[in-house]
Amino acid sequence: MGYSAESLLSLRQIKKSFAGVPVLRDVSLSVGRGEVVALVGENGAGKSTLKNIMSGLLGPDSGEIQLGKKVLFRLRVEDVKSFGIGTIHQELSLFDTLSVAENVSIAELPTKRGAVDRANIRQTAKELLNDLLEADIDPDAIVEDLSLGERQMVEIAKAIRISHSLLILDEPTTCLSIQERKHLFAVVKKLRSRGYGILYISHFLDEIYELSDRIVVLRDGVVVGEERADLLPIKTLSKLMVGRDLDESPEQPADLVPNSPVILSVRELSDASLIREVSFDLRAGEILGLGGLMGAGRSEIAEALLGLRESEGRVTVAGHQFMNRSPKAAIGRGLVLVSEDRRRDQAFLIRSLGENLVASHVRRLAQRLTGRVSHAAEVSNGRQIVLEFGVEPGRLSNQMISLSGGNQQKAIVGRWLAHKPQICVLDEPTKGVDIGARQAIHALIRDRASKGTAFILISSDLPELMALSHRILVLHKGRVASTIPRERFDAADIVQVASTGRLH
């Protein structure tokens, strides 16, 4: 690949290995002024490593980088700063105890008379969040009090603030509502029109085709395809990403068994802040979707059911009232949760994959006399979960943090489904997961549902929600605005109810 006169950043024959294992092999890529380049590939393809090299966080083993007119071996932090490269990483890098305004300007806090100029940083946050991104977020709010979607918008504003030439976005929409995604897309298009170069990494192929001028496909550390977006059919793109044809049979759940028993009954569930008199039944083998905008109360309902959030109302599991709810008691009743923020809530990142896989099974694996977990039992159970749920670990002894996002997700899903629960609550189960892993998780959900496991599926990805659910409860401001059966699924109707609380 030759360097373009208009290239902002170009990489040539980049190689990178970790512990002798090649991750990038002769990768060449460029991002030009005023273009959006999509970088796609399965988890583990090398996208994050390439992004980190372009962000100055890693140096390549060999190859060269052209930044403007400068040719370098690696990018230093000062190069990234002076050239105006902003990066939105998949995992948030905010300070939870600081304000929104402080986080947005944290890279370079303006001062006045020796102190932080708070009026300045508030105004900066307001201009970026409220005006540019159209996000209704208080600049004085503390980050730990925000929803995951709101934190993602703060992360985006933080990156845009320091970027004046090149913006790298790594899975920026996985936590955003439909409306927030639209605002972000408008911002990307506006920045492109102003001459920014943008590298856009996403597993959502509809976003790739809506935003990108050019698509670069990475597989196993090698660029296996590069083409203008309008000349690359989606079927060809999918095959390039995974190295094989994907199953194109339409996704839909198996029909419910007639008169299948109610396994979960919820009546008048409310909390002190958002949830208002939520009632529904869930049958064995049913996949019940929870739809709605970010902040509508979807995750809060999941937390209330498992005792992670104080709430009132009546919850009945398998005919028995579930009082004094707690996560431990929920597991005992066959009710488990795969939470939205897996890294923060459910992954022990510096522990091994094997330990993570059996973390919820420790009591069962412990030896009676000593209370110690049998290493042999841990390995045996871990291997069984790896095989059953398609985790690709390398070794069970590998740290959880070393796995790709998709394999981390499959490991967490596998950990909880290995319990053979009656009810599994899945909150954004394919967030940050590649197209192949997404299909595998969808197939797993449908298979387990056909065998009687009931699922509550929370997803901001409307096609996913419609593909898997038997019914969808659409939430609006903490209430159930509508219950839509599968035969009446319509994307426009669901969006309208989620946005307004009613169907006009």
Protein backbone atom coordinates (compact mmCIF):
# COMPACT_ATOMS: atom_id res chain seq x y z
CA MET A 1 0.00 0.00 0.00
CA GLY A 2 1.51 3.35 -0.94
CA TYR A 3 1.18 6.46 1.15
CA SER A 4 -1.46 8.91 0.04
CA ALA A 5 -0.60 12.60 -0.10
CA GLU A 6 -3.77 13.15 1.90
CA SER A 7 -3.02 10.48 4.49
CA LEU A 8 -3.12 11.67 8.08
CA LEU A 9 -1.78 8.43 9.53
CA SER A 10 -0.34 5.47 7.63
CA LEU A 11 1.06 2.16 8.84
CA ARG A 12 3.30 -0.06 6.73
CA GLN A 13 4.20 -3.71 7.36
CA ILE A 14 3.47 -3.51 11.08
CA LYS A 15 4.35 -6.60 13.10
CA LYS A 16 3.61 -7.25 16.78
CA SER A 17 3.96 -10.36 18.94
CA PHE A 18 3.26 -11.10 22.58
CA ALA A 19 5.26 -13.84 24.31
CA GLY A 20 6.36 -15.07 20.91
CA VAL A 21 2.80 -15.31 19.56
CA PRO A 22 2.23 -13.14 16.43
CA VAL A 23 -0.75 -10.81 16.77
CA LEU A 24 -0.11 -8.52 13.79
CA ARG A 25 1.70 -9.69 10.66
CA ASP A 26 2.71 -7.19 7.98
CA VAL A 27 -0.35 -4.98 8.48
CA SER A 28 -0.60 -1.87 6.31
CA LEU A 29 -3.39 0.66 6.76
CA SER A 30 -3.97 4.37 6.18
CA VAL A 31 -6.56 6.92 7.24
CA GLY A 32 -6.95 9.94 5.00
CA ARG A 33 -8.20 13.43 5.66
CA GLY A 34 -11.98 13.65 5.49
CA GLU A 35 -12.67 9.91 5.33
CA VAL A 36 -14.08 7.26 7.65
CA VAL A 37 -12.18 3.97 7.52
CA ALA A 38 -13.90 1.00 9.13
CA LEU A 39 -11.67 -1.65 10.73
CA VAL A 40 -13.54 -4.93 11.14
CA GLY A 41 -12.72 -8.48 12.17
CA GLU A 42 -13.55 -11.11 14.74
CA ASN A 43 -12.47 -10.80 18.36
CA GLY A 44 -8.81 -11.73 18.53
CA ALA A 45 -8.10 -10.59 14.96
CA GLY A 46 -5.69 -7.91 16.22
CA LYS A 47 -7.90 -4.80 16.02
CA SER A 48 -7.24 -3.65 19.59
CA THR A 49 -3.48 -4.12 19.23
CA LEU A 50 -3.50 -2.09 16.01
CA LYS A 51 -5.62 0.60 17.66
CA ASN A 52 -3.21 0.78 20.61
CA ILE A 53 -0.25 1.21 18.25
CA MET A 54 -2.09 4.04 16.47
CA SER A 55 -2.91 5.61 19.85
CA GLY A 56 0.69 5.53 21.07
CA LEU A 57 0.02 2.97 23.79
CA LEU A 58 2.10 0.23 22.15
CA GLY A 59 5.09 0.14 19.88
CA PRO A 60 5.33 -2.30 16.97
CA ASP A 61 8.11 -4.88 16.74
CA SER A 62 8.84 -3.75 13.18
CA GLY A 63 7.39 -1.65 10.39
CA GLU A 64 6.98 2.10 10.10
CA ILE A 65 4.39 4.76 10.81
CA GLN A 66 3.86 7.95 8.87
CA LEU A 67 2.22 10.75 10.81
CA GLY A 68 1.63 13.69 8.51
CA LYS A 69 5.03 14.12 6.87
CA LYS A 70 6.99 12.44 9.69
CA VAL A 71 8.07 8.80 9.41
CA LEU A 72 8.47 7.11 12.82
CA PHE A 73 9.11 3.66 14.22
CA ARG A 74 6.51 4.17 16.92
CA LEU A 75 4.18 6.89 18.13
CA ARG A 76 5.01 8.53 21.43
CA VAL A 77 2.46 10.15 23.70
CA GLU A 78 3.76 13.59 22.72
CA ASP A 79 3.31 12.71 19.01
CA VAL A 80 -0.30 11.71 19.60
CA LYS A 81 -0.97 14.87 21.61
CA SER A 82 0.69 17.30 19.21
CA PHE A 83 -0.98 15.76 16.15
CA GLY A 84 -4.40 15.74 17.83
CA ILE A 85 -5.25 12.03 17.85
CA GLY A 86 -8.19 11.19 20.09
CA THR A 87 -9.17 7.62 20.96
CA ILE A 88 -12.38 6.20 22.37
CA HIS A 89 -11.42 2.83 23.83
CA GLN A 90 -13.89 -0.03 24.14
CA GLU A 91 -13.34 -0.18 27.89
CA LEU A 92 -14.03 3.14 29.62
CA SER A 93 -11.14 5.12 31.09
CA LEU A 94 -13.01 7.56 33.30
CA PHE A 95 -12.39 8.52 36.92
CA ASP A 96 -15.57 7.49 38.73
CA THR A 97 -15.21 9.92 41.65
CA LEU A 98 -14.60 13.01 39.49
CA SER A 99 -17.23 15.14 37.81
CA VAL A 100 -18.24 14.89 34.18
CA ALA A 101 -16.55 18.21 33.42
CA GLU A 102 -13.31 17.14 35.11
CA ASN A 103 -13.24 13.89 33.14
CA VAL A 104 -13.85 15.60 29.80
CA SER A 105 -10.87 17.94 30.34
CA ILE A 106 -8.68 15.59 32.39
CA ALA A 107 -5.92 15.38 29.74
CA GLU A 108 -5.23 19.10 30.10
CA LEU A 109 -7.08 20.88 32.89
CA PRO A 110 -7.11 24.68 32.35
CA THR A 111 -6.09 26.73 35.36
CA LYS A 112 -6.83 30.21 36.63
CA ARG A 113 -4.78 31.77 39.42
CA GLY A 114 -3.19 28.41 40.17
CA ALA A 115 -6.47 26.50 40.49
CA VAL A 116 -8.60 24.51 38.05
CA ASP A 117 -10.74 26.87 36.00
CA ARG A 118 -14.06 25.22 36.77
CA ALA A 119 -16.15 27.64 34.75
CA ASN A 120 -13.99 26.80 31.72
CA ILE A 121 -14.26 23.03 32.07
CA ARG A 122 -18.01 23.22 32.70
CA GLN A 123 -18.45 25.26 29.53
CA THR A 124 -16.27 22.83 27.55
CA ALA A 125 -18.29 19.84 28.78
CA LYS A 126 -21.55 21.61 28.01
CA GLU A 127 -20.47 22.46 24.46
CA LEU A 128 -19.36 18.92 23.72
CA LEU A 129 -22.03 16.91 25.53
CA ASN A 130 -25.12 19.08 25.42
CA ASP A 131 -24.56 20.95 22.15
CA LEU A 132 -22.48 18.65 19.91
CA LEU A 133 -23.58 15.21 21.17
CA GLU A 134 -27.06 16.38 22.27
CA ALA A 135 -26.70 14.37 25.50
CA ASP A 136 -28.60 15.69 28.50
CA ILE A 137 -25.82 15.16 31.05
CA ASP A 138 -25.04 17.58 33.88
CA PRO A 139 -21.37 18.67 33.72
CA ASP A 140 -21.30 18.71 37.54
CA ALA A 141 -22.61 15.12 37.91
CA ILE A 142 -20.23 12.56 39.41
CA VAL A 143 -19.36 9.87 36.85
CA GLU A 144 -20.09 6.92 39.16
CA ASP A 145 -23.71 8.12 39.39
CA LEU A 146 -24.21 7.93 35.61
CA SER A 147 -25.61 5.04 33.61
CA LEU A 148 -23.25 3.06 31.41
CA GLY A 149 -24.63 4.78 28.31
CA GLU A 150 -24.10 8.22 29.83
CA ARG A 151 -20.54 7.30 30.80
CA GLN A 152 -19.91 6.25 27.21
CA MET A 153 -21.05 9.68 25.99
CA VAL A 154 -18.62 11.32 28.45
CA GLU A 155 -15.84 9.10 27.07
CA ILE A 156 -16.71 10.23 23.55
CA ALA A 157 -16.70 13.92 24.55
CA LYS A 158 -13.33 13.43 26.29
CA ALA A 159 -11.77 12.01 23.10
CA ILE A 160 -13.27 14.67 20.81
CA ARG A 161 -11.88 17.41 23.06
CA ILE A 162 -8.26 16.42 22.41
CA SER A 163 -8.73 15.43 18.78
CA HIS A 164 -8.20 17.96 16.02
CA SER A 165 -7.10 15.71 13.15
CA LEU A 166 -7.77 12.01 13.75
CA LEU A 167 -10.38 10.24 15.85
CA ILE A 168 -10.26 6.51 16.63
CA LEU A 169 -13.54 4.98 17.83
CA ASP A 170 -13.51 1.44 19.23
CA GLU A 171 -17.04 0.01 19.61
CA PRO A 172 -18.43 3.44 20.59
CA THR A 173 -22.14 2.50 20.42
CA THR A 174 -22.33 -0.73 22.42
CA CYS A 175 -23.80 1.07 25.44
CA LEU A 176 -25.81 3.73 23.62
CA SER A 177 -29.53 4.00 23.04
CA ILE A 178 -30.98 4.29 19.56
CA GLN A 179 -31.26 8.08 19.87
CA GLU A 180 -27.72 8.42 21.27
CA ARG A 181 -26.39 6.38 18.34
CA LYS A 182 -28.10 8.71 15.88
CA HIS A 183 -26.49 11.70 17.56
CA LEU A 184 -23.07 10.05 17.43
CA PHE A 185 -23.46 9.18 13.74
CA ALA A 186 -24.32 12.82 13.02
CA VAL A 187 -21.19 13.93 14.90
CA VAL A 188 -18.99 11.48 12.95
CA LYS A 189 -20.37 12.78 9.66
CA LYS A 190 -19.90 16.39 10.80
CA LEU A 191 -16.27 15.77 11.81
CA ARG A 192 -15.59 14.05 8.48
CA SER A 193 -16.96 17.09 6.63
CA ARG A 194 -14.53 19.23 8.63
CA GLY A 195 -11.55 17.20 7.41
CA TYR A 196 -11.08 14.78 10.29
CA GLY A 197 -9.82 11.30 9.55
CA ILE A 198 -11.78 8.68 11.46
CA LEU A 199 -10.96 5.05 12.18
CA TYR A 200 -14.21 3.31 13.15
CA ILE A 201 -14.08 -0.14 14.80
CA SER A 202 -17.42 -1.89 15.25
CA HIS A 203 -19.10 -5.28 15.15
CA PHE A 204 -22.37 -3.66 14.01
CA LEU A 205 -22.24 -4.03 10.24
CA ASP A 206 -25.19 -1.69 9.69
CA GLU A 207 -23.12 1.08 11.32
CA ILE A 208 -20.12 0.19 9.16
CA TYR A 209 -22.13 0.60 5.97
CA GLU A 210 -23.86 3.78 7.14
CA LEU A 211 -20.68 5.61 8.14
CA SER A 212 -17.61 4.29 6.35
CA ASP A 213 -16.03 5.26 3.05
CA ARG A 214 -13.62 2.33 3.07
CA ILE A 215 -13.56 -1.01 4.92
CA VAL A 216 -10.40 -2.83 6.03
CA VAL A 217 -10.86 -6.46 7.14
CA LEU A 218 -8.42 -7.96 9.64
CA ARG A 219 -8.28 -11.71 10.30
CA ASP A 220 -5.67 -13.50 12.41
CA GLY A 221 -3.41 -10.46 12.36
CA VAL A 222 -3.46 -10.05 8.57
CA VAL A 223 -5.36 -7.63 6.33
CA VAL A 224 -7.44 -10.02 4.19
CA GLY A 225 -9.52 -7.44 2.38
CA GLU A 226 -9.85 -3.71 1.70
CA GLU A 227 -12.53 -2.09 -0.43
CA ARG A 228 -14.82 0.88 -0.74
CA ALA A 229 -17.92 0.29 1.37
CA ASP A 230 -20.29 0.70 -1.58
CA LEU A 231 -18.41 -1.99 -3.52
CA LEU A 232 -18.26 -4.64 -0.77
CA PRO A 233 -21.42 -6.79 -0.36
CA ILE A 234 -22.23 -7.66 3.24
CA LYS A 235 -22.12 -11.40 2.49
CA THR A 236 -18.57 -11.04 1.14
CA LEU A 237 -17.58 -8.92 4.14
CA SER A 238 -18.91 -11.51 6.60
CA LYS A 239 -17.02 -14.30 4.86
CA LEU A 240 -13.79 -12.27 4.87
CA MET A 241 -14.17 -11.65 8.61
CA VAL A 242 -14.69 -15.25 9.70
CA GLY A 243 -13.04 -17.14 6.83
CA ARG A 244 -16.17 -19.10 6.01
CA ASP A 245 -19.79 -18.67 4.94
CA LEU A 246 -22.05 -17.90 7.86
CA ASP A 247 -25.37 -19.60 8.47
CA GLU A 248 -27.91 -17.33 6.83
CA SER A 249 -31.00 -19.12 8.07
CA PRO A 250 -33.33 -16.64 9.74
CA GLU A 251 -32.92 -16.42 13.50
CA GLN A 252 -36.02 -17.12 15.50
CA PRO A 253 -36.77 -18.96 18.71
CA ALA A 254 -38.49 -22.32 18.80
CA ASP A 255 -42.24 -22.19 19.36
CA LEU A 256 -43.25 -22.21 22.99
CA VAL A 257 -44.65 -25.48 24.29
CA PRO A 258 -48.43 -24.99 24.67
CA ASN A 259 -49.44 -24.25 28.25
CA SER A 260 -45.81 -24.14 29.42
CA PRO A 261 -45.80 -23.23 33.13
CA VAL A 262 -45.16 -19.73 34.46
CA ILE A 263 -41.68 -19.89 35.98
CA LEU A 264 -41.45 -16.23 37.06
CA SER A 265 -44.25 -13.91 38.07
CA VAL A 266 -43.62 -10.23 38.80
CA ARG A 267 -46.28 -7.95 40.20
CA GLU A 268 -46.11 -4.20 40.91
CA LEU A 269 -42.29 -4.10 41.01
CA SER A 270 -41.11 -0.60 41.93
CA ASP A 271 -38.05 1.09 43.36
CA ALA A 272 -37.41 4.49 44.89
CA SER A 273 -36.01 6.12 41.76
CA LEU A 274 -37.12 4.71 38.40
CA ILE A 275 -39.10 1.45 38.19
CA ARG A 276 -42.86 1.97 38.43
CA GLU A 277 -45.36 -0.88 38.99
CA VAL A 278 -43.83 -3.32 36.53
CA SER A 279 -45.76 -6.57 36.14
CA PHE A 280 -45.21 -9.54 33.81
CA ASP A 281 -45.09 -13.34 33.65
CA LEU A 282 -42.32 -15.47 32.15
CA ARG A 283 -42.92 -19.04 31.00
CA ALA A 284 -40.51 -21.95 30.89
CA GLY A 285 -38.66 -21.89 27.58
CA GLU A 286 -39.71 -18.33 26.79
CA ILE A 287 -37.34 -15.56 25.69
CA LEU A 288 -38.83 -12.31 26.94
CA GLY A 289 -37.23 -9.20 25.48
CA LEU A 290 -36.95 -5.95 27.42
CA GLY A 291 -36.77 -3.02 25.01
CA GLY A 292 -36.54 0.70 25.57
CA LEU A 293 -34.19 3.64 25.48
CA MET A 294 -31.15 3.95 27.72
CA GLY A 295 -32.37 4.88 31.20
CA ALA A 296 -35.83 3.36 30.67
CA GLY A 297 -35.29 0.92 33.56
CA ARG A 298 -34.28 -2.31 31.82
CA SER A 299 -31.11 -3.05 33.82
CA GLU A 300 -32.76 -1.74 36.97
CA ILE A 301 -35.49 -4.38 36.68
CA ALA A 302 -32.83 -7.09 36.39
CA GLU A 303 -31.07 -5.75 39.48
CA ALA A 304 -34.33 -5.62 41.43
CA LEU A 305 -35.19 -9.23 40.56
CA LEU A 306 -31.86 -10.45 41.90
CA GLY A 307 -31.77 -8.26 45.00
CA LEU A 308 -29.02 -5.96 43.72
CA ARG A 309 -31.41 -3.02 44.01
CA GLU A 310 -33.89 -2.29 46.81
CA SER A 311 -37.43 -2.63 45.52
CA GLU A 312 -41.03 -3.34 46.44
CA GLY A 313 -43.49 -5.70 44.81
CA ARG A 314 -44.16 -9.41 44.59
CA VAL A 315 -41.77 -11.78 42.82
CA THR A 316 -42.65 -15.46 42.54
CA VAL A 317 -40.22 -18.11 41.22
CA ALA A 318 -41.62 -21.53 40.29
CA GLY A 319 -44.72 -20.91 42.38
CA HIS A 320 -42.87 -19.77 45.53
CA GLN A 321 -42.73 -16.16 46.62
CA PHE A 322 -39.17 -14.81 46.51
CA MET A 323 -38.74 -12.56 49.55
CA ASN A 324 -35.53 -11.07 50.99
CA ARG A 325 -33.99 -11.19 47.55
CA SER A 326 -30.21 -11.37 47.20
CA PRO A 327 -27.85 -12.67 44.49
CA LYS A 328 -26.97 -15.70 46.61
CA ALA A 329 -30.63 -16.52 47.22
CA ALA A 330 -31.41 -15.99 43.54
CA ILE A 331 -28.75 -18.50 42.47
CA GLY A 332 -30.23 -20.97 44.93
CA ARG A 333 -33.61 -20.58 43.21
CA GLY A 334 -32.14 -21.02 39.74
CA LEU A 335 -32.16 -17.33 38.77
CA VAL A 336 -28.89 -15.94 37.36
CA LEU A 337 -27.72 -12.72 35.73
CA VAL A 338 -25.14 -11.95 33.05
CA SER A 339 -24.75 -8.23 33.71
CA GLU A 340 -24.19 -5.45 31.19
CA ASP A 341 -20.75 -4.36 32.41
CA ARG A 342 -18.97 -7.71 32.57
CA ARG A 343 -15.51 -6.29 33.32
CA ARG A 344 -16.69 -4.28 36.30
CA ASP A 345 -19.31 -6.64 37.72
CA GLN A 346 -18.48 -10.25 36.86
CA ALA A 347 -14.95 -10.74 35.55
CA PHE A 348 -11.92 -11.26 37.78
CA LEU A 349 -9.52 -9.82 35.24
CA ILE A 350 -6.20 -10.63 36.90
CA ARG A 351 -7.26 -14.18 37.77
CA SER A 352 -7.03 -17.08 35.38
CA LEU A 353 -9.70 -18.09 32.88
CA GLY A 354 -10.14 -21.36 34.77
CA GLU A 355 -10.83 -19.53 38.03
CA ASN A 356 -13.30 -17.23 36.29
CA LEU A 357 -15.19 -20.14 34.73
CA VAL A 358 -15.79 -21.89 38.06
CA ALA A 359 -16.10 -18.77 40.25
CA SER A 360 -19.81 -19.38 40.86
CA HIS A 361 -19.27 -23.12 41.47
CA VAL A 362 -16.65 -22.85 44.24
CA ARG A 363 -18.85 -24.29 46.98
CA ARG A 364 -19.69 -27.33 44.87
CA LEU A 365 -16.05 -27.92 43.95
CA ALA A 366 -14.63 -27.43 47.45
CA GLN A 367 -13.34 -30.48 49.31
CA ARG A 368 -15.48 -31.36 52.30
CA LEU A 369 -12.77 -31.60 54.96
CA THR A 370 -10.42 -28.77 53.96
CA GLY A 371 -12.78 -26.41 52.14
CA ARG A 372 -10.15 -25.99 49.42
CA VAL A 373 -11.08 -26.09 45.78
CA SER A 374 -9.69 -29.14 44.03
CA HIS A 375 -7.40 -27.99 41.21
CA ALA A 376 -8.27 -31.13 39.24
CA ALA A 377 -12.00 -30.40 39.63
CA GLU A 378 -11.45 -26.77 38.61
CA VAL A 379 -9.60 -27.80 35.47
CA SER A 380 -12.14 -30.49 34.60
CA ASN A 381 -15.11 -28.14 35.02
CA GLY A 382 -13.33 -25.32 33.22
CA ARG A 383 -12.54 -27.52 30.22
CA GLN A 384 -16.14 -28.69 30.08
CA ILE A 385 -17.43 -25.10 29.96
CA VAL A 386 -14.82 -24.16 27.34
CA LEU A 387 -15.94 -26.99 25.07
CA GLU A 388 -19.67 -26.54 25.64
CA PHE A 389 -19.75 -22.78 25.15
CA GLY A 390 -17.08 -22.34 22.49
CA VAL A 391 -14.60 -20.28 24.50
CA GLU A 392 -11.20 -20.14 22.77
CA PRO A 393 -8.81 -19.70 25.68
CA GLY A 394 -5.40 -20.91 24.62
CA ARG A 395 -4.85 -22.16 28.18
CA LEU A 396 -7.06 -22.15 31.27
CA SER A 397 -4.14 -20.63 33.15
CA ASN A 398 -4.21 -17.48 30.98
CA GLN A 399 -5.33 -14.31 32.76
CA MET A 400 -8.90 -13.33 31.97
CA ILE A 401 -7.72 -9.88 30.88
CA SER A 402 -5.64 -11.47 28.09
CA LEU A 403 -8.75 -12.83 26.34
CA SER A 404 -10.57 -10.96 23.61
CA GLY A 405 -13.81 -9.24 24.55
CA GLY A 406 -15.85 -11.93 22.78
CA ASN A 407 -14.17 -14.77 24.64
CA GLN A 408 -14.56 -12.94 27.95
CA GLN A 409 -18.27 -12.65 27.22
CA LYS A 410 -18.64 -16.30 26.22
CA ALA A 411 -16.78 -17.31 29.39
CA ILE A 412 -19.18 -15.30 31.60
CA VAL A 413 -22.26 -16.60 29.76
CA GLY A 414 -20.88 -20.14 30.00
CA ARG A 415 -20.15 -19.78 33.71
CA TRP A 416 -23.78 -18.99 34.49
CA LEU A 417 -25.48 -21.32 32.01
CA ALA A 418 -23.35 -24.17 33.37
CA HIS A 419 -25.54 -23.85 36.48
CA LYS A 420 -28.47 -25.06 34.34
CA PRO A 421 -30.65 -22.25 35.73
CA GLN A 422 -34.43 -22.07 35.45
CA ILE A 423 -34.20 -18.39 34.54
CA CYS A 424 -31.29 -16.49 32.99
CA VAL A 425 -31.28 -12.70 32.70
CA LEU A 426 -28.99 -11.55 29.89
CA ASP A 427 -28.15 -7.83 29.89
CA GLU A 428 -26.57 -6.85 26.54
CA PRO A 429 -25.16 -10.39 26.00
CA THR A 430 -23.41 -9.66 22.69
CA LYS A 431 -21.97 -6.23 23.52
CA GLY A 432 -18.50 -5.99 21.97
CA VAL A 433 -18.79 -9.44 20.37
CA ASP A 434 -17.86 -10.23 16.77
CA ILE A 435 -20.32 -11.56 14.20
CA GLY A 436 -19.24 -15.20 14.59
CA ALA A 437 -19.40 -15.15 18.40
CA ARG A 438 -22.71 -13.30 18.21
CA GLN A 439 -24.21 -16.10 16.11
CA ALA A 440 -22.81 -18.67 18.55
CA ILE A 441 -24.35 -16.91 21.57
CA HIS A 442 -27.69 -16.52 19.77
CA ALA A 443 -27.70 -20.23 18.88
CA LEU A 444 -26.90 -21.08 22.50
CA ILE A 445 -29.79 -18.97 23.80
CA ARG A 446 -32.25 -20.53 21.35
CA ASP A 447 -31.02 -24.03 22.16
CA ARG A 448 -31.29 -23.59 25.93
CA ALA A 449 -34.72 -21.99 25.58
CA SER A 450 -35.92 -24.96 23.50
CA LYS A 451 -34.88 -27.19 26.41
CA GLY A 452 -36.88 -25.22 28.96
CA THR A 453 -34.61 -22.44 30.26
CA ALA A 454 -36.46 -19.13 30.46
CA PHE A 455 -34.60 -15.96 29.44
CA ILE A 456 -35.07 -12.26 30.03
CA LEU A 457 -33.14 -10.58 27.21
CA ILE A 458 -32.11 -6.94 27.56
CA SER A 459 -30.60 -5.51 24.41
CA SER A 460 -30.12 -2.10 22.81
CA ASP A 461 -29.65 -3.91 19.49
CA LEU A 462 -33.18 -3.94 18.11
CA PRO A 463 -32.54 -6.57 15.38
CA GLU A 464 -31.14 -8.88 18.07
CA LEU A 465 -34.14 -8.29 20.32
CA MET A 466 -36.59 -8.99 17.51
CA ALA A 467 -34.69 -12.06 16.27
CA LEU A 468 -34.60 -13.86 19.60
CA SER A 469 -37.67 -12.83 21.60
CA HIS A 470 -41.08 -14.47 21.81
CA ARG A 471 -42.48 -11.23 23.24
CA ILE A 472 -41.02 -7.77 23.87
CA LEU A 473 -41.91 -5.59 26.86
CA VAL A 474 -41.20 -2.02 25.78
CA LEU A 475 -40.27 0.21 28.72
CA HIS A 476 -40.65 3.96 28.89
CA LYS A 477 -39.49 5.94 31.94
CA GLY A 478 -39.61 2.92 34.23
CA ARG A 479 -43.01 1.60 33.17
CA VAL A 480 -44.15 -1.12 30.76
CA ALA A 481 -45.53 0.97 27.91
CA SER A 482 -46.49 -1.96 25.70
CA THR A 483 -46.22 -5.74 25.43
CA ILE A 484 -45.73 -6.80 21.81
CA PRO A 485 -46.12 -10.44 20.69
CA ARG A 486 -43.81 -11.84 18.02
CA GLU A 487 -46.42 -11.76 15.27
CA ARG A 488 -46.73 -7.97 15.69
CA PHE A 489 -43.02 -7.11 15.84
CA ASP A 490 -42.32 -3.91 13.92
CA ALA A 491 -39.09 -1.95 14.42
CA ALA A 492 -40.70 1.45 13.84
CA ASP A 493 -43.48 0.72 16.35
CA ILE A 494 -41.02 -0.44 19.00
CA VAL A 495 -38.89 2.69 18.59
CA GLN A 496 -41.96 4.90 18.74
CA VAL A 497 -43.26 3.31 21.94
CA ALA A 498 -39.78 3.40 23.52
CA SER A 499 -39.43 7.08 22.65
CA THR A 500 -42.91 8.38 23.49
CA GLY A 501 -44.52 5.75 25.72
CA ARG A 502 -47.33 5.07 23.27
CA LEU A 503 -48.10 4.07 19.71
CA HIS A 504 -49.79 6.88 17.80
